[in-house]
């Protein structure tokens, strides 16, 4: 640059007919300017003179010819690049060295492109889709089965158990009865509708019944006390000629001695011990 500036601000030599550089409105001859203000090149360590192009990145400077990929040496001027541990690399070399591989297509996820991460693996955004409907999952809730990802509606449609009673999806804490899934709140007594989850119950014609309802509707009645005979607690009962007794009720009608394991006689509807029956 030539101008009407008279002298170099540093060496005071005349600038008439000479090139010079301006800094903070002061004029410097080229040698003085380079010695005072030229940035050292990050690659060759030589000053970047004022008549050379100075390329800067994050406070560091390069000659135009020194601004190259640290691995393949190709020029990075006006090209995309990436930095790793302050080393500049072209996108191809960076991808080869450091970029993740897509879990789905196994191709490199290029720097600057959006990637999705899930359970320690990475995907291209376009590859991170529901296995069934192929719609992007993005940040939507998802469920994984056999290493495949599904949106919640597709997973429920294909794999989830549906309650035998209400037909809605059983997401957690269900009950299995006759190999069929039920919600806890739907698994109720067929008689009184009391919830049966965690309770003792009986089955009749594939329907569950609480103890009270089963006893009321279906249990055999004791010929002695007329109360229902149930198997609760492993209780034993005696059966004879289409009549049943609780073990503790199977007694001689006359003297009340227990007949369990003993010989007995019958007289009409009575059961009698051998002594009373022979009298």
Protein backbone atom coordinates (compact mmCIF):
# COMPACT_ATOMS: atom_id res chain seq x y z
CA UNK A 1 0.00 0.00 0.00
CA UNK A 2 1.32 3.46 -0.89
CA UNK A 3 0.02 6.69 0.55
CA UNK A 4 0.85 10.18 1.62
CA UNK A 5 2.04 8.94 5.04
CA UNK A 6 5.52 10.39 5.46
CA UNK A 7 7.47 8.11 7.82
CA UNK A 8 7.27 4.62 9.36
CA UNK A 9 5.82 4.88 12.87
CA UNK A 10 8.50 2.48 14.22
CA UNK A 11 11.79 3.01 12.30
CA UNK A 12 10.95 6.57 11.19
CA UNK A 13 12.25 5.92 7.68
CA UNK A 14 10.46 7.63 4.86
CA UNK A 15 7.53 5.76 3.32
CA UNK A 16 7.54 7.81 0.12
CA UNK A 17 7.07 5.43 -2.82
CA UNK A 18 7.12 2.39 -0.50
CA UNK A 19 4.48 -0.12 0.56
CA UNK A 20 3.31 0.14 4.11
CA UNK A 21 0.64 -1.22 6.48
CA UNK A 22 -1.71 0.61 8.78
CA UNK A 23 -2.39 -0.40 12.38
CA UNK A 24 -4.43 1.78 14.72
CA UNK A 25 -4.07 4.65 12.22
CA UNK A 26 -0.27 4.40 12.33
CA UNK A 27 1.73 3.55 9.23
CA UNK A 28 4.55 0.99 9.25
CA UNK A 29 6.95 -0.08 6.58
CA UNK A 30 6.45 -3.76 5.64
CA UNK A 31 9.58 -5.08 7.47
CA UNK A 32 8.64 -3.26 10.68
CA UNK A 33 5.03 -4.34 10.51
CA UNK A 34 5.96 -8.00 9.97
CA UNK A 35 8.50 -8.00 12.79
CA UNK A 36 6.07 -6.35 15.18
CA UNK A 37 2.68 -7.79 14.35
CA UNK A 38 2.88 -10.78 11.97
CA UNK A 39 1.33 -13.92 13.50
CA UNK A 40 3.48 -17.07 13.57
CA UNK A 41 2.11 -19.91 11.42
CA UNK A 42 0.91 -22.87 13.47
CA UNK A 43 2.38 -25.29 10.93
CA UNK A 44 5.73 -23.88 9.75
CA UNK A 45 6.28 -21.49 12.70
CA UNK A 46 7.32 -18.70 10.29
CA UNK A 47 5.66 -15.27 10.49
CA UNK A 48 2.68 -14.70 8.23
CA UNK A 49 3.79 -11.55 6.46
CA UNK A 50 1.36 -8.78 5.64
CA UNK A 51 1.47 -9.62 1.94
CA UNK A 52 0.38 -13.23 2.70
CA UNK A 53 -3.12 -14.48 3.50
CA UNK A 54 -3.58 -15.18 7.23
CA UNK A 55 -6.08 -17.97 7.99
CA UNK A 56 -7.24 -18.04 11.62
CA UNK A 57 -9.14 -20.65 13.65
CA UNK A 58 -9.76 -20.40 17.40
CA UNK A 59 -6.91 -17.97 18.01
CA UNK A 60 -4.37 -19.86 15.89
CA UNK A 61 -3.01 -18.79 12.49
CA UNK A 62 -1.77 -20.47 9.32
CA UNK A 63 -0.32 -19.53 5.98
CA UNK A 64 -2.80 -20.37 3.23
CA UNK A 65 -0.49 -23.12 1.97
CA UNK A 66 0.00 -24.52 5.50
CA UNK A 67 -3.70 -24.85 6.28
CA UNK A 68 -3.91 -28.59 5.55
CA UNK A 69 -5.29 -31.84 6.96
CA UNK A 70 -2.85 -33.25 9.48
CA UNK A 71 -3.36 -36.78 8.15
CA UNK A 72 -3.73 -36.62 4.36
CA UNK A 73 -2.20 -33.12 3.84
CA UNK A 74 -5.01 -31.96 1.59
CA UNK A 75 -5.75 -28.23 1.70
CA UNK A 76 -8.54 -27.20 4.05
CA UNK A 77 -8.97 -23.74 2.53
CA UNK A 78 -12.71 -23.09 2.03
CA UNK A 79 -13.47 -26.74 2.83
CA UNK A 80 -15.25 -28.28 5.83
CA UNK A 81 -12.95 -29.64 8.50
CA UNK A 82 -12.99 -30.85 12.08
CA UNK A 83 -10.61 -30.51 15.01
CA UNK A 84 -9.56 -33.27 17.41
CA UNK A 85 -7.19 -32.46 20.26
CA UNK A 86 -6.29 -29.21 18.39
CA UNK A 87 -5.32 -31.18 15.27
CA UNK A 88 -7.17 -30.19 12.06
CA UNK A 89 -8.54 -32.96 9.86
CA UNK A 90 -10.62 -33.02 6.72
CA UNK A 91 -14.06 -34.53 7.22
CA UNK A 92 -13.08 -37.79 5.51
CA UNK A 93 -10.05 -38.38 7.74
CA UNK A 94 -11.94 -37.33 10.85
CA UNK A 95 -14.72 -39.77 10.00
CA UNK A 96 -12.26 -42.61 9.44
CA UNK A 97 -10.54 -41.96 12.75
CA UNK A 98 -13.22 -40.76 15.14
CA UNK A 99 -16.76 -40.77 13.78
CA UNK A 100 -19.35 -43.25 15.00
CA UNK A 101 -20.77 -45.96 12.78
CA UNK A 102 -24.54 -46.13 12.44
CA UNK A 103 -25.90 -49.18 14.31
CA UNK A 104 -28.43 -49.75 11.51
CA UNK A 105 -26.58 -49.20 8.23
CA UNK A 106 -23.00 -49.44 9.58
CA UNK A 107 -21.99 -46.36 7.59
CA UNK A 108 -20.07 -43.46 9.11
CA UNK A 109 -22.04 -40.67 10.77
CA UNK A 110 -20.32 -37.65 9.25
CA UNK A 111 -19.28 -34.69 11.42
CA UNK A 112 -21.94 -32.01 11.53
CA UNK A 113 -24.79 -34.39 10.75
CA UNK A 114 -27.35 -35.13 13.42
CA UNK A 115 -26.96 -38.45 15.18
CA UNK A 116 -29.22 -40.25 17.61
CA UNK A 117 -27.80 -42.17 20.57
CA UNK A 118 -29.58 -44.94 22.47
CA UNK A 119 -28.22 -47.62 24.82
CA UNK A 120 -24.61 -46.88 23.89
CA UNK A 121 -25.13 -47.07 20.10
CA UNK A 122 -25.48 -44.36 17.46
CA UNK A 123 -27.79 -43.98 14.46
CA UNK A 124 -28.22 -41.62 11.56
CA UNK A 125 -31.39 -39.68 12.27
CA UNK A 126 -32.94 -41.20 9.14
CA UNK A 127 -32.02 -44.73 10.31
CA UNK A 128 -33.45 -44.36 13.81
CA UNK A 129 -36.99 -45.45 12.94
CA UNK A 130 -39.66 -47.82 14.22
CA UNK A 131 -39.03 -51.33 12.92
CA UNK A 132 -42.71 -51.74 12.08
CA UNK A 133 -44.08 -48.44 10.74
CA UNK A 134 -40.69 -46.97 9.71
CA UNK A 135 -41.60 -43.59 11.17
CA UNK A 136 -38.72 -41.60 12.77
CA UNK A 137 -38.44 -42.21 16.50
CA UNK A 138 -36.50 -39.05 17.34
CA UNK A 139 -37.02 -38.45 21.05
CA UNK A 140 -40.36 -40.29 21.22
CA UNK A 141 -40.87 -43.05 23.80
CA UNK A 142 -39.79 -46.40 22.38
CA UNK A 143 -39.51 -50.06 23.33
CA UNK A 144 -36.73 -52.44 22.26
CA UNK A 145 -37.36 -56.11 21.46
CA UNK A 146 -34.74 -58.48 20.01
CA UNK A 147 -32.42 -55.50 19.29
CA UNK A 148 -35.12 -53.76 17.22
CA UNK A 149 -36.75 -50.48 18.23
CA UNK A 150 -40.49 -49.89 18.08
CA UNK A 151 -42.72 -46.91 18.76
CA UNK A 152 -45.08 -47.63 21.66
CA UNK A 153 -48.27 -48.01 19.51
CA UNK A 154 -46.60 -50.52 17.17
CA UNK A 155 -45.07 -52.50 20.02
CA UNK A 156 -48.40 -52.73 21.82
CA UNK A 157 -50.16 -53.76 18.63
CA UNK A 158 -47.68 -56.54 17.84
CA UNK A 159 -46.33 -57.81 21.14
CA UNK A 160 -48.13 -56.53 24.21
CA UNK A 161 -50.59 -58.71 26.13
CA UNK A 162 -54.20 -57.58 26.18
CA UNK A 163 -56.36 -58.12 29.21
CA UNK A 164 -58.86 -60.96 28.73
CA UNK A 165 -61.54 -58.91 30.47
CA UNK A 166 -61.23 -55.33 29.15
CA UNK A 167 -59.06 -56.07 26.06
CA UNK A 168 -56.72 -53.17 26.87
CA UNK A 169 -52.93 -53.52 27.01
CA UNK A 170 -51.41 -54.98 30.18
CA UNK A 171 -48.32 -52.83 30.67
CA UNK A 172 -47.19 -54.08 34.07
CA UNK A 173 -48.28 -56.01 37.14
CA UNK A 174 -50.73 -58.28 35.35
CA UNK A 175 -52.17 -61.65 36.42
CA UNK A 176 -52.11 -64.86 34.41
CA UNK A 177 -55.09 -67.19 34.76
CA UNK A 178 -55.72 -70.16 32.46
CA UNK A 179 -52.72 -68.89 30.40
CA UNK A 180 -54.56 -65.63 29.73
CA UNK A 181 -53.43 -62.15 30.86
CA UNK A 182 -55.56 -59.94 33.10
CA UNK A 183 -55.12 -56.56 34.75
CA UNK A 184 -55.04 -56.96 38.52
CA UNK A 185 -58.08 -54.72 38.80
CA UNK A 186 -59.93 -56.79 36.15
CA UNK A 187 -59.22 -60.14 37.79
CA UNK A 188 -62.32 -60.30 39.98
CA UNK A 189 -64.69 -62.88 41.39
CA UNK A 190 -67.33 -63.88 38.85
CA UNK A 191 -69.89 -63.67 41.63
CA UNK A 192 -69.30 -60.63 43.83
CA UNK A 193 -66.65 -58.82 41.67
CA UNK A 194 -64.13 -58.65 44.54
CA UNK A 195 -60.53 -58.36 43.29
CA UNK A 196 -58.81 -61.73 43.53
CA UNK A 197 -55.18 -60.77 42.93
CA UNK A 198 -53.15 -62.19 45.83
CA UNK A 199 -56.22 -63.92 47.31
CA UNK A 200 -57.29 -67.57 47.51
CA UNK A 201 -59.90 -68.44 44.89
CA UNK A 202 -61.56 -71.38 43.15
CA UNK A 203 -62.28 -72.05 39.51
CA UNK A 204 -65.58 -73.19 38.06
CA UNK A 205 -66.32 -73.42 34.33
CA UNK A 206 -63.11 -71.38 33.69
CA UNK A 207 -64.35 -68.50 35.88
CA UNK A 208 -62.65 -67.51 39.15
CA UNK A 209 -64.63 -67.23 42.35
CA UNK A 210 -63.70 -65.96 45.78
CA UNK A 211 -63.95 -68.51 48.60
CA UNK A 212 -67.28 -67.15 49.87
CA UNK A 213 -68.98 -67.17 46.48
CA UNK A 214 -67.65 -70.57 45.52
CA UNK A 215 -68.80 -72.01 48.83
CA UNK A 216 -72.20 -70.40 48.47
CA UNK A 217 -72.82 -71.49 44.89
CA UNK A 218 -70.84 -74.65 44.27
CA UNK A 219 -69.29 -76.26 47.35
CA UNK A 220 -70.80 -79.53 48.66
CA UNK A 221 -72.68 -79.16 51.95
CA UNK A 222 -71.62 -81.19 54.97
CA UNK A 223 -74.26 -83.78 55.89
CA UNK A 224 -73.46 -83.07 59.53
CA UNK A 225 -73.28 -79.28 60.01
CA UNK A 226 -74.84 -78.34 56.66
CA UNK A 227 -72.00 -75.84 55.99
CA UNK A 228 -70.02 -75.80 52.71
CA UNK A 229 -67.06 -78.13 52.44
CA UNK A 230 -64.02 -76.35 50.95
CA UNK A 231 -60.43 -77.44 50.53
CA UNK A 232 -59.04 -74.40 52.35
CA UNK A 233 -56.10 -75.23 54.58
CA UNK A 234 -55.99 -78.75 53.14
CA UNK A 235 -59.08 -79.74 55.15
CA UNK A 236 -60.09 -83.39 54.79
CA UNK A 237 -63.62 -84.54 54.12
CA UNK A 238 -65.40 -87.88 54.11
CA UNK A 239 -67.59 -89.07 51.25
CA UNK A 240 -70.08 -91.95 51.47
CA UNK A 241 -73.01 -92.76 49.19
CA UNK A 242 -73.18 -89.31 47.61
CA UNK A 243 -72.99 -87.59 51.01
CA UNK A 244 -70.00 -85.64 52.35
CA UNK A 245 -68.89 -84.64 55.84
CA UNK A 246 -66.17 -82.46 57.26
CA UNK A 247 -63.67 -84.72 58.99
CA UNK A 248 -64.64 -83.29 62.36
CA UNK A 249 -68.34 -83.79 61.59
CA UNK A 250 -68.12 -87.47 60.68
CA UNK A 251 -69.34 -88.70 64.06
CA UNK A 252 -71.73 -91.28 65.37
CA UNK A 253 -75.23 -89.81 65.29
CA UNK A 254 -76.01 -91.28 68.73
CA UNK A 255 -72.85 -91.02 70.85
CA UNK A 256 -70.89 -88.46 68.76
CA UNK A 257 -67.68 -90.49 68.72
CA UNK A 258 -65.51 -89.83 65.69
CA UNK A 259 -65.91 -92.42 62.96
CA UNK A 260 -62.91 -91.28 60.89
CA UNK A 261 -60.92 -94.44 60.14
CA UNK A 262 -63.42 -96.58 62.11
CA UNK A 263 -66.04 -99.15 61.11
CA UNK A 264 -69.57 -97.76 61.09
CA UNK A 265 -73.14 -98.76 60.33
CA UNK A 266 -75.96 -96.85 58.67
CA UNK A 267 -79.59 -96.70 59.63
CA UNK A 268 -81.64 -94.64 57.23
CA UNK A 269 -79.81 -91.25 57.24
CA UNK A 270 -77.91 -91.93 60.45
CA UNK A 271 -74.35 -93.15 60.74
CA UNK A 272 -73.57 -95.13 63.84
CA UNK A 273 -70.51 -96.54 65.50
CA UNK A 274 -70.37 -100.32 65.66
CA UNK A 275 -71.42 -100.29 69.36
CA UNK A 276 -74.45 -98.03 68.90
CA UNK A 277 -75.47 -99.76 65.69
CA UNK A 278 -75.41 -103.18 67.36
CA UNK A 279 -77.42 -102.13 70.44
